[in-house]
Amino acid sequence: MTKKEFAKRLNIDVKTLNSWEEQRPEVMRLVRIGLATEKHVKDVETYIEEIKNLQDIKI
């Protein structure tokens, strides 16, 4: 994800993102962990749906 995309995802300006990265690296680390966790949860939900769909297939 580019800085521009990351800033957009957080609904902030790229300048604000740069400032946060410089002045509050621990907060930015937590934000990145949160976004990665969110993606992981969505991936798991998709995987579960795929498994449910496979169970519906009649052989």
PDB file of N, CA and C in Angstrom:
ATOM      1  N   MET A   1       0.857  -1.165   0.000  1.00  0.00           N
ATOM      2  CA  MET A   1       0.000   0.000   0.000  1.00  0.00           C
ATOM      3  C   MET A   1       0.909   1.236   0.000  1.00  0.00           C
ATOM      4  N   THR A   2       0.622   2.163  -0.905  1.00  0.00           N
ATOM      5  CA  THR A   2       1.402   3.399  -0.963  1.00  0.00           C
ATOM      6  C   THR A   2       1.025   4.315   0.202  1.00  0.00           C
ATOM      7  N   LYS A   3       1.866   5.315   0.429  1.00  0.00           N
ATOM      8  CA  LYS A   3       1.554   6.272   1.491  1.00  0.00           C
ATOM      9  C   LYS A   3       0.242   6.994   1.194  1.00  0.00           C
ATOM     10  N   LYS A   4       0.020   7.305  -0.077  1.00  0.00           N
ATOM     11  CA  LYS A   4      -1.218   7.986  -0.468  1.00  0.00           C
ATOM     12  C   LYS A   4      -2.430   7.106  -0.161  1.00  0.00           C
ATOM     13  N   GLU A   5      -2.340   5.823  -0.503  1.00  0.00           N
ATOM     14  CA  GLU A   5      -3.433   4.889  -0.222  1.00  0.00           C
ATOM     15  C   GLU A   5      -3.630   4.709   1.282  1.00  0.00           C
ATOM     16  N   PHE A   6      -2.514   4.628   1.995  1.00  0.00           N
ATOM     17  CA  PHE A   6      -2.570   4.465   3.446  1.00  0.00           C
ATOM     18  C   PHE A   6      -3.238   5.676   4.093  1.00  0.00           C
ATOM     19  N   ALA A   7      -2.841   6.869   3.673  1.00  0.00           N
ATOM     20  CA  ALA A   7      -3.440   8.094   4.207  1.00  0.00           C
ATOM     21  C   ALA A   7      -4.933   8.141   3.892  1.00  0.00           C
ATOM     22  N   LYS A   8      -5.289   7.765   2.675  1.00  0.00           N
ATOM     23  CA  LYS A   8      -6.705   7.759   2.294  1.00  0.00           C
ATOM     24  C   LYS A   8      -7.489   6.776   3.159  1.00  0.00           C
ATOM     25  N   ARG A   9      -6.891   5.605   3.411  1.00  0.00           N
ATOM     26  CA  ARG A   9      -7.542   4.584   4.250  1.00  0.00           C
ATOM     27  C   ARG A   9      -7.818   5.114   5.655  1.00  0.00           C
ATOM     28  N   LEU A  10      -6.898   5.958   6.157  1.00  0.00           N
ATOM     29  CA  LEU A  10      -7.052   6.543   7.484  1.00  0.00           C
ATOM     30  C   LEU A  10      -7.836   7.860   7.461  1.00  0.00           C
ATOM     31  N   ASN A  11      -8.194   8.300   6.250  1.00  0.00           N
ATOM     32  CA  ASN A  11      -8.934   9.553   6.068  1.00  0.00           C
ATOM     33  C   ASN A  11      -8.138  10.756   6.580  1.00  0.00           C
ATOM     34  N   ILE A  12      -6.831  10.752   6.259  1.00  0.00           N
ATOM     35  CA  ILE A  12      -5.963  11.861   6.631  1.00  0.00           C
ATOM     36  C   ILE A  12      -5.128  12.265   5.423  1.00  0.00           C
ATOM     37  N   ASP A  13      -4.478  13.417   5.508  1.00  0.00           N
ATOM     38  CA  ASP A  13      -3.595  13.904   4.469  1.00  0.00           C
ATOM     39  C   ASP A  13      -2.251  13.176   4.566  1.00  0.00           C
ATOM     40  N   VAL A  14      -1.548  13.059   3.443  1.00  0.00           N
ATOM     41  CA  VAL A  14      -0.248  12.404   3.437  1.00  0.00           C
ATOM     42  C   VAL A  14       0.728  13.143   4.358  1.00  0.00           C
ATOM     43  N   LYS A  15       0.625  14.466   4.418  1.00  0.00           N
ATOM     44  CA  LYS A  15       1.498  15.239   5.318  1.00  0.00           C
ATOM     45  C   LYS A  15       1.252  14.843   6.774  1.00  0.00           C
ATOM     46  N   THR A  16       0.002  14.631   7.120  1.00  0.00           N
ATOM     47  CA  THR A  16      -0.335  14.198   8.478  1.00  0.00           C
ATOM     48  C   THR A  16       0.253  12.815   8.733  1.00  0.00           C
ATOM     49  N   LEU A  17       0.127  11.938   7.762  1.00  0.00           N
ATOM     50  CA  LEU A  17       0.686  10.590   7.888  1.00  0.00           C
ATOM     51  C   LEU A  17       2.194  10.660   8.123  1.00  0.00           C
ATOM     52  N   ASN A  18       2.872  11.471   7.328  1.00  0.00           N
ATOM     53  CA  ASN A  18       4.319  11.613   7.494  1.00  0.00           C
ATOM     54  C   ASN A  18       4.663  12.131   8.887  1.00  0.00           C
ATOM     55  N   SER A  19       3.896  13.078   9.351  1.00  0.00           N
ATOM     56  CA  SER A  19       4.123  13.638  10.684  1.00  0.00           C
ATOM     57  C   SER A  19       3.920  12.577  11.757  1.00  0.00           C
ATOM     58  N   TRP A  20       2.848  11.808  11.640  1.00  0.00           N
ATOM     59  CA  TRP A  20       2.574  10.753  12.610  1.00  0.00           C
ATOM     60  C   TRP A  20       3.690   9.722  12.603  1.00  0.00           C
ATOM     61  N   GLU A  21       4.163   9.347  11.393  1.00  0.00           N
ATOM     62  CA  GLU A  21       5.227   8.353  11.302  1.00  0.00           C
ATOM     63  C   GLU A  21       6.502   8.844  11.987  1.00  0.00           C
ATOM     64  N   GLU A  22       6.765  10.123  11.863  1.00  0.00           N
ATOM     65  CA  GLU A  22       7.973  10.695  12.461  1.00  0.00           C
ATOM     66  C   GLU A  22       7.814  10.903  13.968  1.00  0.00           C
ATOM     67  N   GLN A  23       6.669  11.442  14.374  1.00  0.00           N
ATOM     68  CA  GLN A  23       6.492  11.843  15.768  1.00  0.00           C
ATOM     69  C   GLN A  23       5.844  10.773  16.647  1.00  0.00           C
ATOM     70  N   ARG A  24       5.131   9.852  16.059  1.00  0.00           N
ATOM     71  CA  ARG A  24       4.408   8.840  16.830  1.00  0.00           C
ATOM     72  C   ARG A  24       4.539   7.452  16.197  1.00  0.00           C
ATOM     73  N   PRO A  25       5.765   6.963  16.077  1.00  0.00           N
ATOM     74  CA  PRO A  25       5.946   5.657  15.406  1.00  0.00           C
ATOM     75  C   PRO A  25       5.225   4.516  16.110  1.00  0.00           C
ATOM     76  N   GLU A  26       5.082   4.588  17.429  1.00  0.00           N
ATOM     77  CA  GLU A  26       4.393   3.513  18.153  1.00  0.00           C
ATOM     78  C   GLU A  26       2.906   3.480  17.800  1.00  0.00           C
ATOM     79  N   VAL A  27       2.310   4.638  17.583  1.00  0.00           N
ATOM     80  CA  VAL A  27       0.901   4.699  17.186  1.00  0.00           C
ATOM     81  C   VAL A  27       0.742   4.145  15.774  1.00  0.00           C
ATOM     82  N   MET A  28       1.649   4.511  14.895  1.00  0.00           N
ATOM     83  CA  MET A  28       1.569   4.031  13.520  1.00  0.00           C
ATOM     84  C   MET A  28       1.767   2.515  13.465  1.00  0.00           C
ATOM     85  N   ARG A  29       2.621   1.986  14.321  1.00  0.00           N
ATOM     86  CA  ARG A  29       2.808   0.537  14.380  1.00  0.00           C
ATOM     87  C   ARG A  29       1.495  -0.141  14.772  1.00  0.00           C
ATOM     88  N   LEU A  30       0.807   0.413  15.743  1.00  0.00           N
ATOM     89  CA  LEU A  30      -0.480  -0.149  16.168  1.00  0.00           C
ATOM     90  C   LEU A  30      -1.535  -0.033  15.073  1.00  0.00           C
ATOM     91  N   VAL A  31      -1.528   1.061  14.350  1.00  0.00           N
ATOM     92  CA  VAL A  31      -2.479   1.235  13.245  1.00  0.00           C
ATOM     93  C   VAL A  31      -2.217   0.173  12.181  1.00  0.00           C
ATOM     94  N   ARG A  32      -0.944  -0.034  11.854  1.00  0.00           N
ATOM     95  CA  ARG A  32      -0.614  -1.050  10.849  1.00  0.00           C
ATOM     96  C   ARG A  32      -1.013  -2.448  11.314  1.00  0.00           C
ATOM     97  N   ILE A  33      -0.780  -2.742  12.574  1.00  0.00           N
ATOM     98  CA  ILE A  33      -1.195  -4.040  13.130  1.00  0.00           C
ATOM     99  C   ILE A  33      -2.715  -4.186  13.036  1.00  0.00           C
ATOM    100  N   GLY A  34      -3.432  -3.129  13.372  1.00  0.00           N
ATOM    101  CA  GLY A  34      -4.893  -3.162  13.303  1.00  0.00           C
ATOM    102  C   GLY A  34      -5.394  -3.409  11.895  1.00  0.00           C
ATOM    103  N   LEU A  35      -4.803  -2.734  10.914  1.00  0.00           N
ATOM    104  CA  LEU A  35      -5.219  -2.919   9.524  1.00  0.00           C
ATOM    105  C   LEU A  35      -4.880  -4.327   9.030  1.00  0.00           C
ATOM    106  N   ALA A  36      -3.726  -4.841   9.429  1.00  0.00           N
ATOM    107  CA  ALA A  36      -3.348  -6.199   9.037  1.00  0.00           C
ATOM    108  C   ALA A  36      -4.300  -7.217   9.662  1.00  0.00           C
ATOM    109  N   THR A  37      -4.669  -6.980  10.907  1.00  0.00           N
ATOM    110  CA  THR A  37      -5.608  -7.872  11.587  1.00  0.00           C
ATOM    111  C   THR A  37      -6.971  -7.834  10.906  1.00  0.00           C
ATOM    112  N   GLU A  38      -7.415  -6.646  10.555  1.00  0.00           N
ATOM    113  CA  GLU A  38      -8.689  -6.496   9.853  1.00  0.00           C
ATOM    114  C   GLU A  38      -8.684  -7.290   8.546  1.00  0.00           C
ATOM    115  N   LYS A  39      -7.585  -7.184   7.784  1.00  0.00           N
ATOM    116  CA  LYS A  39      -7.490  -7.929   6.532  1.00  0.00           C
ATOM    117  C   LYS A  39      -7.491  -9.429   6.795  1.00  0.00           C
ATOM    118  N   HIS A  40      -6.771  -9.853   7.803  1.00  0.00           N
ATOM    119  CA  HIS A  40      -6.721 -11.273   8.134  1.00  0.00           C
ATOM    120  C   HIS A  40      -8.115 -11.802   8.481  1.00  0.00           C
ATOM    121  N   VAL A  41      -8.860 -11.063   9.266  1.00  0.00           N
ATOM    122  CA  VAL A  41     -10.216 -11.473   9.647  1.00  0.00           C
ATOM    123  C   VAL A  41     -11.097 -11.588   8.402  1.00  0.00           C
ATOM    124  N   LYS A  42     -10.991 -10.618   7.495  1.00  0.00           N
ATOM    125  CA  LYS A  42     -11.783 -10.685   6.255  1.00  0.00           C
ATOM    126  C   LYS A  42     -11.395 -11.899   5.421  1.00  0.00           C
ATOM    127  N   ASP A  43     -10.096 -12.190   5.360  1.00  0.00           N
ATOM    128  CA  ASP A  43      -9.644 -13.369   4.610  1.00  0.00           C
ATOM    129  C   ASP A  43     -10.195 -14.654   5.224  1.00  0.00           C
ATOM    130  N   VAL A  44     -10.185 -14.752   6.537  1.00  0.00           N
ATOM    131  CA  VAL A  44     -10.714 -15.934   7.224  1.00  0.00           C
ATOM    132  C   VAL A  44     -12.217 -16.054   6.974  1.00  0.00           C
ATOM    133  N   GLU A  45     -12.935 -14.946   7.019  1.00  0.00           N
ATOM    134  CA  GLU A  45     -14.380 -14.982   6.751  1.00  0.00           C
ATOM    135  C   GLU A  45     -14.651 -15.482   5.336  1.00  0.00           C
ATOM    136  N   THR A  46     -13.847 -15.027   4.378  1.00  0.00           N
ATOM    137  CA  THR A  46     -14.001 -15.480   2.994  1.00  0.00           C
ATOM    138  C   THR A  46     -13.727 -16.982   2.896  1.00  0.00           C
ATOM    139  N   TYR A  47     -12.689 -17.435   3.559  1.00  0.00           N
ATOM    140  CA  TYR A  47     -12.337 -18.853   3.564  1.00  0.00           C
ATOM    141  C   TYR A  47     -13.471 -19.689   4.163  1.00  0.00           C
ATOM    142  N   ILE A  48     -14.053 -19.230   5.247  1.00  0.00           N
ATOM    143  CA  ILE A  48     -15.165 -19.943   5.884  1.00  0.00           C
ATOM    144  C   ILE A  48     -16.354 -20.021   4.937  1.00  0.00           C
ATOM    145  N   GLU A  49     -16.646 -18.929   4.238  1.00  0.00           N
ATOM    146  CA  GLU A  49     -17.752 -18.934   3.273  1.00  0.00           C
ATOM    147  C   GLU A  49     -17.491 -19.945   2.157  1.00  0.00           C
ATOM    148  N   GLU A  50     -16.244 -20.010   1.694  1.00  0.00           N
ATOM    149  CA  GLU A  50     -15.901 -20.974   0.644  1.00  0.00           C
ATOM    150  C   GLU A  50     -16.101 -22.403   1.136  1.00  0.00           C
ATOM    151  N   ILE A  51     -15.746 -22.672   2.360  1.00  0.00           N
ATOM    152  CA  ILE A  51     -15.942 -24.010   2.932  1.00  0.00           C
ATOM    153  C   ILE A  51     -17.440 -24.318   3.028  1.00  0.00           C
ATOM    154  N   LYS A  52     -18.222 -23.343   3.476  1.00  0.00           N
ATOM    155  CA  LYS A  52     -19.679 -23.551   3.559  1.00  0.00           C
ATOM    156  C   LYS A  52     -20.256 -23.846   2.182  1.00  0.00           C
ATOM    157  N   ASN A  53     -19.778 -23.137   1.167  1.00  0.00           N
ATOM    158  CA  ASN A  53     -20.273 -23.365  -0.194  1.00  0.00           C
ATOM    159  C   ASN A  53     -19.903 -24.764  -0.699  1.00  0.00           C
ATOM    160  N   LEU A  54     -18.716 -25.220  -0.321  1.00  0.00           N
ATOM    161  CA  LEU A  54     -18.316 -26.578  -0.717  1.00  0.00           C
ATOM    162  C   LEU A  54     -19.190 -27.617  -0.059  1.00  0.00           C
ATOM    163  N   GLN A  55     -19.639 -27.369   1.164  1.00  0.00           N
ATOM    164  CA  GLN A  55     -20.500 -28.307   1.852  1.00  0.00           C
ATOM    165  C   GLN A  55     -21.860 -28.416   1.176  1.00  0.00           C
ATOM    166  N   ASP A  56     -22.267 -27.363   0.474  1.00  0.00           N
ATOM    167  CA  ASP A  56     -23.555 -27.351  -0.219  1.00  0.00           C
ATOM    168  C   ASP A  56     -23.531 -28.109  -1.537  1.00  0.00           C
ATOM    169  N   ILE A  57     -22.338 -28.393  -2.046  1.00  0.00           N
ATOM    170  CA  ILE A  57     -22.236 -29.092  -3.324  1.00  0.00           C
ATOM    171  C   ILE A  57     -22.572 -30.567  -3.132  1.00  0.00           C
ATOM    172  N   LYS A  58     -23.498 -31.058  -3.958  1.00  0.00           N
ATOM    173  CA  LYS A  58     -23.917 -32.456  -3.903  1.00  0.00           C
ATOM    174  C   LYS A  58     -23.032 -33.262  -4.846  1.00  0.00           C
ATOM    175  N   ILE A  59     -22.481 -34.344  -4.342  1.00  0.00           N
ATOM    176  CA  ILE A  59     -21.642 -35.205  -5.185  1.00  0.00           C
ATOM    177  C   ILE A  59     -22.423 -36.437  -5.566  1.00  0.00           C
TER     178      ILE A  59
END
